């Protein structure tokens, strides 16, 4: 009997997160269908092994892991055109964002990643809308961000967005960001509520504001060399399982966001929202980011979002 096909999937959160459960969904489906033809194992949180979250890109690219998820923003230094999905206030609702990611925008992003890096993209988990937390003051309008040192993802557009809002962006990976928040070296951070609670930012930040300023997806990327070497039935099954896992993870993410919003309040933090007038001040402040992106990225990425 031939040796089983080794499939190693990894991420950067505990097993209870929606992303870990999404990976487990894929693995369970494959084991159910293929039995001892596959050997599926997981590295739930690479930070537990001393890696950084951004190391997932090369761990999969070079085959140390078979598959992983990661926010597409973290790849924009290498593939600048992916930054089109990072534009602020690009979507108003989850349904609008999902339609784009499952349609032209997602197809465009997957094509870029598969063309330029040793990946196959099999779906996009939902990281969702991002909100701001800080240790200094409530955020009720764009001007309240003035002078705050805010941790951002490794994305130029994210950095420029907060510069236009008057904040001082600090680009860093997650591990360094947690250390900086704990030490008070940064005043603010931005994340979905689920990330804020999972990584403990609410322990350091009293003020939380639902701003919905970015919507982020996390592609599920597979080592292309390994994937393309698999039998056709396994490749097809992996893609099908990933698509079902995306739907499963997105449903979990909606529930988790509500649970984590409550956890932030239960911790004694303040939770605010921005009204429509304040939202317009945010949008107006970041409009130059669109012009900058159009000049730097060219027209093709904008066609992927119908603009």
Foldseek 3Di string as FASTA:
>chain_A
DDQAQEAEEEAAFDCPALQNVLVVLLVVLCCVVPPRNHDYDYHYRCVVVVDFRLCVQVCQLVVVHFKYKDWLQQCCVVVVLLCLQFAWPLDDDPVLVVVLCVDLLVVVSQVSPVVPTQKHWQGKAWQFFKWKFFAPDADAALQVQAAFEEEDENHPLVQVLNVLSRHHYDYDTDVVVLVCLVVVVGGMYMGQLLVCVRSVVLVRTQYIERQSTHTIIMTIIGRNVSLVPDPPVSNVSSSVSSVVSRVSSRVVSVVSSVVSVVVSVVVVGDYYYYDPVRSVNSVVSSVVSVVVCCVVNPCPSVVSSPD
